[in-house]
Amino acid sequence: MNLQELIQEASTSIAPIEKRAITNLNVLNEAYDYARPSTFSRGMRIDLGNIVILLISGTASIDENGVSVHLGDFRAQCQRTFQNITGLLEAEGATWHDIVRTSCYLRDIERDYAEFNEERTAFYRAQELDPVPASTGIQAILCRPELLIEIEAIAMFKKHVQEA
């Protein structure tokens, strides 16, 4: 087979991966401060046969009306962020036990990391996570000046029998 035939065979034998946007408007809504249409999804569900991967976009202390909440209160913003991620997971039949990785963005990591680690530890203990997800902590300028924390997450799980 020559190169052209190999390329043609590969392009006809590749099936697209099933994917769709996810959201949970009961806990967090679109960021109305941004230009329309919004150019990101709150999360993406990818179905790979019997395996589901959830890619949760950076999630922060945003309420069901798209408004930043708990201004100036790092711990409350952290708790709301965990609540919002929980809602996105629930919308897809997942839990924190399915999270394999988080990326945690803090506006001021030197000032807030100790409180962040206390809140995360308490939340993970309440969820009875063992093992806990892989994670990276990063200092970053966040999308809204009033936000102090934003978390991305990746979850993986096998489809339930009725889904498969």
C-alpha atoms as a PDB file:
ATOM      1  CA  MET A   1       0.000   0.000   0.000  1.00  0.00           C
ATOM      2  CA  ASN A   2       1.312   3.452  -0.837  1.00  0.00           C
ATOM      3  CA  LEU A   3       1.081   6.471   1.457  1.00  0.00           C
ATOM      4  CA  GLN A   4      -2.039   7.887  -0.215  1.00  0.00           C
ATOM      5  CA  GLU A   5      -3.896   4.578   0.188  1.00  0.00           C
ATOM      6  CA  LEU A   6      -2.876   4.371   3.857  1.00  0.00           C
ATOM      7  CA  ILE A   7      -4.140   7.899   4.490  1.00  0.00           C
ATOM      8  CA  GLN A   8      -7.437   7.189   2.744  1.00  0.00           C
ATOM      9  CA  GLU A   9      -7.935   3.928   4.657  1.00  0.00           C
ATOM     10  CA  ALA A  10      -7.181   5.625   7.989  1.00  0.00           C
ATOM     11  CA  SER A  11      -9.597   8.477   7.304  1.00  0.00           C
ATOM     12  CA  THR A  12     -12.454   6.122   6.423  1.00  0.00           C
ATOM     13  CA  SER A  13     -11.912   3.783   9.378  1.00  0.00           C
ATOM     14  CA  ILE A  14     -11.836   6.472  12.085  1.00  0.00           C
ATOM     15  CA  ALA A  15     -15.121   6.912  13.906  1.00  0.00           C
ATOM     16  CA  PRO A  16     -15.846  10.191  15.669  1.00  0.00           C
ATOM     17  CA  ILE A  17     -15.782  10.192  19.454  1.00  0.00           C
ATOM     18  CA  GLU A  18     -19.145  10.853  21.064  1.00  0.00           C
ATOM     19  CA  LYS A  19     -19.055  14.121  23.000  1.00  0.00           C
ATOM     20  CA  ARG A  20     -21.519  16.661  24.288  1.00  0.00           C
ATOM     21  CA  ALA A  21     -21.586  19.693  26.532  1.00  0.00           C
ATOM     22  CA  ILE A  22     -22.728  19.294  30.132  1.00  0.00           C
ATOM     23  CA  THR A  23     -24.205  21.785  32.570  1.00  0.00           C
ATOM     24  CA  ASN A  24     -26.404  22.007  35.652  1.00  0.00           C
ATOM     25  CA  LEU A  25     -28.381  25.246  35.646  1.00  0.00           C
ATOM     26  CA  ASN A  26     -29.707  24.546  39.145  1.00  0.00           C
ATOM     27  CA  VAL A  27     -26.306  25.291  40.711  1.00  0.00           C
ATOM     28  CA  LEU A  28     -24.444  27.462  38.254  1.00  0.00           C
ATOM     29  CA  ASN A  29     -25.342  29.259  35.105  1.00  0.00           C
ATOM     30  CA  GLU A  30     -23.592  30.868  32.205  1.00  0.00           C
ATOM     31  CA  ALA A  31     -21.346  33.806  32.895  1.00  0.00           C
ATOM     32  CA  TYR A  32     -23.552  36.618  31.666  1.00  0.00           C
ATOM     33  CA  ASP A  33     -20.714  39.130  31.947  1.00  0.00           C
ATOM     34  CA  TYR A  34     -19.072  37.661  28.844  1.00  0.00           C
ATOM     35  CA  ALA A  35     -19.846  38.342  25.215  1.00  0.00           C
ATOM     36  CA  ARG A  36     -22.449  36.117  23.555  1.00  0.00           C
ATOM     37  CA  PRO A  37     -22.340  33.491  22.413  1.00  0.00           C
ATOM     38  CA  SER A  38     -20.271  31.931  25.183  1.00  0.00           C
ATOM     39  CA  THR A  39     -17.239  30.259  23.666  1.00  0.00           C
ATOM     40  CA  PHE A  40     -16.835  27.458  26.197  1.00  0.00           C
ATOM     41  CA  SER A  41     -18.867  24.703  27.792  1.00  0.00           C
ATOM     42  CA  ARG A  42     -19.153  24.252  31.577  1.00  0.00           C
ATOM     43  CA  GLY A  43     -18.019  20.722  30.902  1.00  0.00           C
ATOM     44  CA  MET A  44     -17.640  18.141  28.180  1.00  0.00           C
ATOM     45  CA  ARG A  45     -18.759  14.503  28.295  1.00  0.00           C
ATOM     46  CA  ILE A  46     -16.749  12.111  26.159  1.00  0.00           C
ATOM     47  CA  ASP A  47     -17.986   8.561  25.643  1.00  0.00           C
ATOM     48  CA  LEU A  48     -15.321   6.008  24.720  1.00  0.00           C
ATOM     49  CA  GLY A  49     -17.163   2.733  24.478  1.00  0.00           C
ATOM     50  CA  ASN A  50     -17.981   1.750  28.070  1.00  0.00           C
ATOM     51  CA  ILE A  51     -15.838   4.548  29.552  1.00  0.00           C
ATOM     52  CA  VAL A  52     -17.054   8.099  30.206  1.00  0.00           C
ATOM     53  CA  ILE A  53     -14.691  11.032  30.685  1.00  0.00           C
ATOM     54  CA  LEU A  54     -15.959  14.332  32.076  1.00  0.00           C
ATOM     55  CA  LEU A  55     -13.809  17.405  31.487  1.00  0.00           C
ATOM     56  CA  ILE A  56     -15.067  20.103  33.853  1.00  0.00           C
ATOM     57  CA  SER A  57     -14.073  23.623  32.857  1.00  0.00           C
ATOM     58  CA  GLY A  58     -12.687  26.069  35.357  1.00  0.00           C
ATOM     59  CA  THR A  59     -15.472  26.396  37.921  1.00  0.00           C
ATOM     60  CA  ALA A  60     -15.735  29.088  40.571  1.00  0.00           C
ATOM     61  CA  SER A  61     -18.097  30.659  43.085  1.00  0.00           C
ATOM     62  CA  ILE A  62     -20.830  31.461  40.539  1.00  0.00           C
ATOM     63  CA  ASP A  63     -24.512  31.012  41.345  1.00  0.00           C
ATOM     64  CA  GLU A  64     -27.507  29.820  39.334  1.00  0.00           C
ATOM     65  CA  ASN A  65     -27.959  33.383  38.026  1.00  0.00           C
ATOM     66  CA  GLY A  66     -24.408  33.649  36.690  1.00  0.00           C
ATOM     67  CA  VAL A  67     -23.385  36.002  39.519  1.00  0.00           C
ATOM     68  CA  SER A  68     -20.160  35.788  41.538  1.00  0.00           C
ATOM     69  CA  VAL A  69     -21.020  34.999  45.172  1.00  0.00           C
ATOM     70  CA  HIS A  70     -19.224  35.139  48.534  1.00  0.00           C
ATOM     71  CA  LEU A  71     -17.136  38.146  47.558  1.00  0.00           C
ATOM     72  CA  GLY A  72     -14.007  38.482  49.681  1.00  0.00           C
ATOM     73  CA  ASP A  73     -14.633  35.204  51.564  1.00  0.00           C
ATOM     74  CA  PHE A  74     -12.086  32.655  50.356  1.00  0.00           C
ATOM     75  CA  ARG A  75     -13.475  29.711  52.331  1.00  0.00           C
ATOM     76  CA  ALA A  76     -17.055  30.337  51.172  1.00  0.00           C
ATOM     77  CA  GLN A  77     -15.891  30.700  47.555  1.00  0.00           C
ATOM     78  CA  CYS A  78     -13.994  27.430  47.867  1.00  0.00           C
ATOM     79  CA  GLN A  79     -17.050  25.655  49.284  1.00  0.00           C
ATOM     80  CA  ARG A  80     -19.315  27.054  46.524  1.00  0.00           C
ATOM     81  CA  THR A  81     -16.800  25.928  43.905  1.00  0.00           C
ATOM     82  CA  PHE A  82     -16.891  22.369  45.279  1.00  0.00           C
ATOM     83  CA  GLN A  83     -20.718  22.565  45.338  1.00  0.00           C
ATOM     84  CA  ASN A  84     -20.809  23.655  41.685  1.00  0.00           C
ATOM     85  CA  ILE A  85     -18.480  20.863  40.578  1.00  0.00           C
ATOM     86  CA  THR A  86     -20.605  18.405  42.557  1.00  0.00           C
ATOM     87  CA  GLY A  87     -23.685  19.613  40.656  1.00  0.00           C
ATOM     88  CA  LEU A  88     -21.975  19.194  37.298  1.00  0.00           C
ATOM     89  CA  LEU A  89     -20.912  15.663  38.263  1.00  0.00           C
ATOM     90  CA  GLU A  90     -24.427  14.795  39.441  1.00  0.00           C
ATOM     91  CA  ALA A  91     -25.867  15.971  36.119  1.00  0.00           C
ATOM     92  CA  GLU A  92     -23.919  13.131  34.487  1.00  0.00           C
ATOM     93  CA  GLY A  93     -24.453  10.469  37.151  1.00  0.00           C
ATOM     94  CA  ALA A  94     -20.969  10.904  38.613  1.00  0.00           C
ATOM     95  CA  THR A  95     -19.562  11.764  42.038  1.00  0.00           C
ATOM     96  CA  TRP A  96     -16.281  12.999  43.477  1.00  0.00           C
ATOM     97  CA  HIS A  97     -15.226   9.327  43.633  1.00  0.00           C
ATOM     98  CA  ASP A  98     -14.942   9.524  39.841  1.00  0.00           C
ATOM     99  CA  ILE A  99     -12.592  12.545  39.862  1.00  0.00           C
ATOM    100  CA  VAL A 100      -9.055  11.570  38.882  1.00  0.00           C
ATOM    101  CA  ARG A 101      -7.456  15.024  38.541  1.00  0.00           C
ATOM    102  CA  THR A 102      -7.982  18.637  39.532  1.00  0.00           C
ATOM    103  CA  SER A 103      -6.181  21.845  38.623  1.00  0.00           C
ATOM    104  CA  CYS A 104      -6.729  24.461  41.323  1.00  0.00           C
ATOM    105  CA  TYR A 105      -6.162  28.128  40.473  1.00  0.00           C
ATOM    106  CA  LEU A 106      -5.766  30.543  43.374  1.00  0.00           C
ATOM    107  CA  ARG A 107      -5.564  34.310  42.898  1.00  0.00           C
ATOM    108  CA  ASP A 108      -3.035  34.573  45.753  1.00  0.00           C
ATOM    109  CA  ILE A 109      -1.512  31.177  46.500  1.00  0.00           C
ATOM    110  CA  GLU A 110       0.800  32.444  49.224  1.00  0.00           C
ATOM    111  CA  ARG A 111      -2.050  34.047  51.155  1.00  0.00           C
ATOM    112  CA  ASP A 112      -4.774  31.429  50.530  1.00  0.00           C
ATOM    113  CA  TYR A 113      -3.124  28.014  50.111  1.00  0.00           C
ATOM    114  CA  ALA A 114      -3.313  26.999  53.786  1.00  0.00           C
ATOM    115  CA  GLU A 115      -7.060  27.778  53.907  1.00  0.00           C
ATOM    116  CA  PHE A 116      -7.548  26.085  50.537  1.00  0.00           C
ATOM    117  CA  ASN A 117      -5.818  22.928  51.729  1.00  0.00           C
ATOM    118  CA  GLU A 118      -7.924  22.889  54.925  1.00  0.00           C
ATOM    119  CA  GLU A 119     -11.170  23.274  52.935  1.00  0.00           C
ATOM    120  CA  ARG A 120     -10.160  20.687  50.344  1.00  0.00           C
ATOM    121  CA  THR A 121      -9.083  18.210  53.029  1.00  0.00           C
ATOM    122  CA  ALA A 122     -12.371  18.643  54.919  1.00  0.00           C
ATOM    123  CA  PHE A 123     -14.394  18.295  51.711  1.00  0.00           C
ATOM    124  CA  TYR A 124     -12.505  15.182  50.571  1.00  0.00           C
ATOM    125  CA  ARG A 125     -12.889  13.604  54.024  1.00  0.00           C
ATOM    126  CA  ALA A 126     -16.632  14.315  53.958  1.00  0.00           C
ATOM    127  CA  GLN A 127     -16.751  12.612  50.544  1.00  0.00           C
ATOM    128  CA  GLU A 128     -14.675   9.705  51.950  1.00  0.00           C
ATOM    129  CA  LEU A 129     -12.251   9.874  49.029  1.00  0.00           C
ATOM    130  CA  ASP A 130      -9.446   7.308  49.027  1.00  0.00           C
ATOM    131  CA  PRO A 131      -7.409   7.768  47.014  1.00  0.00           C
ATOM    132  CA  VAL A 132      -7.740  11.508  46.562  1.00  0.00           C
ATOM    133  CA  PRO A 133      -7.426  12.955  43.040  1.00  0.00           C
ATOM    134  CA  ALA A 134      -4.128  13.993  41.533  1.00  0.00           C
ATOM    135  CA  SER A 135      -3.931  17.776  41.742  1.00  0.00           C
ATOM    136  CA  THR A 136      -1.921  20.855  40.878  1.00  0.00           C
ATOM    137  CA  GLY A 137      -2.124  24.219  42.638  1.00  0.00           C
ATOM    138  CA  ILE A 138      -1.422  27.270  40.492  1.00  0.00           C
ATOM    139  CA  GLN A 139      -1.421  30.997  41.172  1.00  0.00           C
ATOM    140  CA  ALA A 140      -3.330  32.780  38.417  1.00  0.00           C
ATOM    141  CA  ILE A 141      -5.257  35.886  37.496  1.00  0.00           C
ATOM    142  CA  LEU A 142      -8.825  34.605  37.248  1.00  0.00           C
ATOM    143  CA  CYS A 143     -11.529  35.593  34.762  1.00  0.00           C
ATOM    144  CA  ARG A 144     -13.320  37.912  37.199  1.00  0.00           C
ATOM    145  CA  PRO A 145     -11.415  40.136  39.625  1.00  0.00           C
ATOM    146  CA  GLU A 146     -13.637  39.187  42.581  1.00  0.00           C
ATOM    147  CA  LEU A 147     -12.991  35.451  42.242  1.00  0.00           C
ATOM    148  CA  LEU A 148     -10.346  33.989  44.541  1.00  0.00           C
ATOM    149  CA  ILE A 149     -10.394  30.347  43.392  1.00  0.00           C
ATOM    150  CA  GLU A 150     -11.261  28.332  40.291  1.00  0.00           C
ATOM    151  CA  ILE A 151     -11.008  24.556  39.859  1.00  0.00           C
ATOM    152  CA  GLU A 152     -10.920  22.339  36.761  1.00  0.00           C
ATOM    153  CA  ALA A 153     -11.614  18.624  37.131  1.00  0.00           C
ATOM    154  CA  ILE A 154     -11.409  15.414  35.156  1.00  0.00           C
ATOM    155  CA  ALA A 155     -13.664  12.484  36.038  1.00  0.00           C
ATOM    156  CA  MET A 156     -13.670   8.979  34.576  1.00  0.00           C
ATOM    157  CA  PHE A 157     -16.137   6.162  35.114  1.00  0.00           C
ATOM    158  CA  LYS A 158     -17.649   3.118  33.456  1.00  0.00           C
ATOM    159  CA  LYS A 159     -21.146   3.476  32.038  1.00  0.00           C
ATOM    160  CA  HIS A 160     -23.929   2.054  34.132  1.00  0.00           C
ATOM    161  CA  VAL A 161     -25.511  -1.091  32.696  1.00  0.00           C
ATOM    162  CA  GLN A 162     -28.643   0.789  31.564  1.00  0.00           C
ATOM    163  CA  GLU A 163     -26.472   3.392  29.715  1.00  0.00           C
ATOM    164  CA  ALA A 164     -24.260   0.928  27.839  1.00  0.00           C
END
